[in-house]
Amino acid sequence: MEATAKDVYRLREQTGAGPADCKSALAQAKTFDEAVKIIEEKGQKRADKVKGQERETREGLITSYIHHGGNLGVLIELNCSTDFVARSDEFKNLAKELTFQVAGTDPQYVSFADVPEATLTQLREQAANDPEVQKRPEHLRAQIVEGKVKKQLSAQILLEQPWVKDDKVTVGTLVDDVIRKTGENIVVRRFTRYALGG
């Protein structure tokens, strides 16, 4: 598509991508929406690459949120690789958004990796004994069981939850967006949610 300076600016505003990436995406795409998808895919690849580098994530913030009325509070530890990123507005805003998410949805785990093996075993057994699963061909059952377990647990896992401010975006995607913008891996280390009398 023929890209104007206005299109580049609009795409930058919507995606947070750099001018060169926006021009390139607009040149490849037939429509503006297609350009947005190209930017998102490229950004996700970048985020996955950064996460795979296994740099230490020992810098970051411990952020708190106390709900008005003082009956609910959240502490969250969010880590990154450098103090420079930890002090950035994007990182601080992400930490704050995550505290709101934990306060509003009460997740039990950060990611699937944090779910105890005993819990997974129990859920897998329940899913395997489901009559609907038993009707399926035997070679597909293990895959179906895993899908059912993930679906059942997703509401309890912070990174899998839909973001409270936009349910089309998961919390994991929100974190990946900040990874893409900062160029550093970001890890939600842990959180605690306190509810009065709970």
Protein backbone atom coordinates (compact mmCIF):
# COMPACT_ATOMS: atom_id res chain seq x y z
CA MET A 1 0.00 0.00 0.00
CA GLU A 2 1.13 3.58 -0.58
CA ALA A 3 2.20 4.84 2.85
CA THR A 4 1.95 8.48 3.84
CA ALA A 5 3.72 10.09 6.79
CA LYS A 6 0.31 10.15 8.50
CA ASP A 7 -0.02 6.36 8.06
CA VAL A 8 3.44 5.80 9.54
CA TYR A 9 2.60 8.04 12.51
CA ARG A 10 -0.75 6.28 13.05
CA LEU A 11 0.90 2.84 12.92
CA ARG A 12 3.59 3.97 15.39
CA GLU A 13 0.91 5.28 17.76
CA GLN A 14 -1.05 2.04 17.58
CA THR A 15 1.84 -0.44 17.83
CA GLY A 16 4.76 1.40 19.45
CA ALA A 17 7.04 0.16 16.65
CA GLY A 18 9.88 2.25 15.21
CA PRO A 19 9.50 4.36 12.03
CA ALA A 20 11.56 1.97 9.85
CA ASP A 21 9.50 -1.06 10.94
CA CYS A 22 6.28 0.87 10.29
CA LYS A 23 7.36 1.95 6.78
CA SER A 24 8.43 -1.61 5.96
CA ALA A 25 5.15 -3.11 7.24
CA LEU A 26 3.06 -0.57 5.31
CA ALA A 27 5.05 -1.30 2.13
CA GLN A 28 4.43 -5.08 2.52
CA ALA A 29 0.75 -4.81 3.46
CA LYS A 30 -2.29 -4.25 1.29
CA THR A 31 -4.29 -2.65 4.13
CA PHE A 32 -3.55 -0.79 7.36
CA ASP A 33 -4.90 -3.70 9.45
CA GLU A 34 -2.56 -6.08 7.65
CA ALA A 35 0.36 -3.75 8.49
CA VAL A 36 -0.64 -3.90 12.17
CA LYS A 37 -0.58 -7.73 12.00
CA ILE A 38 2.87 -7.70 10.37
CA ILE A 39 4.20 -5.45 13.16
CA GLU A 40 2.62 -7.64 15.86
CA GLU A 41 4.07 -10.86 14.39
CA LYS A 42 7.52 -9.30 14.06
CA GLY A 43 7.28 -7.98 17.63
CA GLN A 44 6.25 -11.41 18.95
CA LYS A 45 9.24 -13.04 17.22
CA ARG A 46 11.51 -10.43 18.81
CA ALA A 47 9.97 -10.99 22.25
CA ASP A 48 10.37 -14.78 21.92
CA LYS A 49 14.01 -14.33 20.89
CA VAL A 50 14.73 -12.07 23.90
CA LYS A 51 13.03 -14.54 26.28
CA GLY A 52 15.15 -17.34 24.84
CA GLN A 53 18.45 -15.56 25.54
CA GLU A 54 18.37 -16.57 29.21
CA ARG A 55 19.96 -13.36 30.48
CA GLU A 56 19.70 -12.95 34.23
CA THR A 57 16.68 -11.00 35.39
CA ARG A 58 17.69 -9.73 38.82
CA GLU A 59 16.77 -6.05 38.46
CA GLY A 60 13.22 -4.74 38.60
CA LEU A 61 10.59 -3.55 41.01
CA ILE A 62 8.41 -4.67 43.85
CA THR A 63 5.16 -2.82 43.33
CA SER A 64 2.13 -2.60 45.59
CA TYR A 65 -1.52 -1.75 45.20
CA ILE A 66 -3.98 -1.11 48.00
CA HIS A 67 -7.62 -0.98 46.95
CA HIS A 68 -9.54 2.05 48.20
CA GLY A 69 -11.10 1.20 51.52
CA GLY A 70 -8.00 -0.78 52.45
CA ASN A 71 -9.68 -4.19 52.26
CA LEU A 72 -7.49 -5.62 49.47
CA GLY A 73 -3.79 -5.36 48.69
CA VAL A 74 -1.30 -6.80 46.20
CA LEU A 75 2.51 -7.07 46.16
CA ILE A 76 4.22 -8.12 42.93
CA GLU A 77 7.86 -8.65 41.99
CA LEU A 78 8.59 -7.90 38.33
CA ASN A 79 12.14 -8.50 37.08
CA CYS A 80 14.24 -7.43 34.11
CA SER A 81 17.95 -7.49 33.21
CA THR A 82 19.00 -3.87 33.79
CA ASP A 83 18.24 -1.05 36.19
CA PHE A 84 17.79 1.23 33.15
CA VAL A 85 14.70 -0.73 32.02
CA ALA A 86 13.45 -1.10 35.61
CA ARG A 87 13.27 2.70 35.85
CA SER A 88 11.49 3.12 32.49
CA ASP A 89 7.87 4.24 32.32
CA GLU A 90 6.86 1.18 30.26
CA PHE A 91 8.19 -1.17 32.94
CA LYS A 92 6.64 0.78 35.84
CA ASN A 93 3.28 0.94 34.05
CA LEU A 94 3.39 -2.81 33.39
CA ALA A 95 4.08 -3.50 37.07
CA LYS A 96 1.12 -1.31 38.06
CA GLU A 97 -1.20 -2.99 35.51
CA LEU A 98 -0.18 -6.40 36.84
CA THR A 99 -1.08 -5.39 40.41
CA PHE A 100 -4.54 -4.32 39.20
CA GLN A 101 -4.90 -7.65 37.36
CA VAL A 102 -3.99 -9.69 40.44
CA ALA A 103 -6.31 -7.61 42.63
CA GLY A 104 -9.23 -8.04 40.23
CA THR A 105 -8.87 -11.69 39.20
CA ASP A 106 -7.12 -13.47 42.11
CA PRO A 107 -4.88 -15.82 40.05
CA GLN A 108 -3.15 -18.69 41.87
CA TYR A 109 -0.04 -19.11 39.69
CA VAL A 110 2.20 -16.97 37.48
CA SER A 111 2.51 -19.56 34.67
CA PHE A 112 1.76 -23.21 33.90
CA ALA A 113 5.27 -24.08 35.12
CA ASP A 114 4.21 -23.05 38.66
CA VAL A 115 1.28 -25.47 38.89
CA PRO A 116 2.17 -28.34 41.27
CA GLU A 117 2.62 -31.71 39.59
CA ALA A 118 0.05 -33.28 41.96
CA THR A 119 -2.59 -30.80 40.78
CA LEU A 120 -1.78 -31.50 37.13
CA THR A 121 -1.93 -35.26 37.69
CA GLN A 122 -5.32 -35.01 39.36
CA LEU A 123 -6.75 -32.79 36.60
CA ARG A 124 -5.34 -35.09 33.89
CA GLU A 125 -6.96 -38.13 35.52
CA GLN A 126 -10.31 -36.34 35.75
CA ALA A 127 -10.11 -35.26 32.10
CA ALA A 128 -9.03 -38.75 30.94
CA ASN A 129 -12.07 -40.29 32.68
CA ASP A 130 -14.49 -37.83 31.06
CA PRO A 131 -16.96 -39.82 28.88
CA GLU A 132 -16.52 -37.30 26.03
CA VAL A 133 -12.77 -37.94 26.00
CA GLN A 134 -13.31 -41.72 26.16
CA LYS A 135 -15.33 -41.53 22.92
CA ARG A 136 -12.37 -40.04 21.03
CA PRO A 137 -9.78 -42.14 19.16
CA GLU A 138 -7.11 -43.39 21.57
CA HIS A 139 -4.21 -41.72 19.75
CA LEU A 140 -5.85 -38.28 20.24
CA ARG A 141 -6.81 -38.61 23.90
CA ALA A 142 -3.53 -37.38 25.45
CA GLN A 143 -3.68 -34.20 23.37
CA ILE A 144 -7.36 -33.64 24.26
CA VAL A 145 -6.61 -34.19 27.96
CA GLU A 146 -3.79 -31.60 27.87
CA GLY A 147 -6.07 -29.12 26.12
CA LYS A 148 -8.81 -29.59 28.73
CA VAL A 149 -6.34 -29.19 31.61
CA LYS A 150 -4.89 -25.99 30.13
CA LYS A 151 -8.36 -24.58 29.54
CA GLN A 152 -9.43 -25.44 33.09
CA LEU A 153 -6.32 -23.85 34.63
CA SER A 154 -6.06 -20.78 32.40
CA ALA A 155 -8.32 -18.64 34.62
CA GLN A 156 -6.01 -19.34 37.59
CA ILE A 157 -2.78 -18.52 35.71
CA LEU A 158 -1.84 -14.85 35.58
CA LEU A 159 -0.06 -14.90 32.20
CA GLU A 160 -2.94 -16.80 30.55
CA GLN A 161 -5.74 -14.56 31.83
CA PRO A 162 -7.46 -12.01 29.61
CA TRP A 163 -6.29 -8.53 30.61
CA VAL A 164 -8.95 -6.78 32.73
CA LYS A 165 -8.78 -3.63 30.56
CA ASP A 166 -9.01 -5.43 27.19
CA ASP A 167 -10.17 -9.04 27.13
CA LYS A 168 -8.83 -9.55 23.59
CA VAL A 169 -5.30 -9.34 25.04
CA THR A 170 -3.80 -11.83 27.49
CA VAL A 171 -1.55 -10.72 30.34
CA GLY A 172 1.27 -12.70 28.70
CA THR A 173 0.84 -10.64 25.52
CA LEU A 174 0.93 -7.46 27.59
CA VAL A 175 4.28 -8.55 29.08
CA ASP A 176 5.57 -9.52 25.61
CA ASP A 177 4.71 -6.04 24.28
CA VAL A 178 6.92 -4.44 26.93
CA ILE A 179 9.68 -6.99 26.20
CA ARG A 180 9.51 -5.95 22.54
CA LYS A 181 9.63 -2.24 23.39
CA THR A 182 12.48 -2.49 25.90
CA GLY A 183 14.50 -5.24 24.22
CA GLU A 184 14.92 -7.05 27.56
CA ASN A 185 13.39 -10.13 29.05
CA ILE A 186 10.78 -9.39 31.71
CA VAL A 187 9.72 -11.99 34.25
CA VAL A 188 6.84 -11.91 36.71
CA ARG A 189 8.71 -13.52 39.61
CA ARG A 190 5.93 -13.75 42.20
CA PHE A 191 2.89 -12.04 43.67
CA THR A 192 0.84 -12.05 46.84
CA ARG A 193 -2.78 -10.94 47.16
CA TYR A 194 -4.15 -10.02 50.57
CA ALA A 195 -7.88 -9.81 51.18
CA LEU A 196 -9.24 -8.62 54.52
CA GLY A 197 -10.45 -11.60 56.55
CA GLY A 198 -9.33 -14.02 53.81
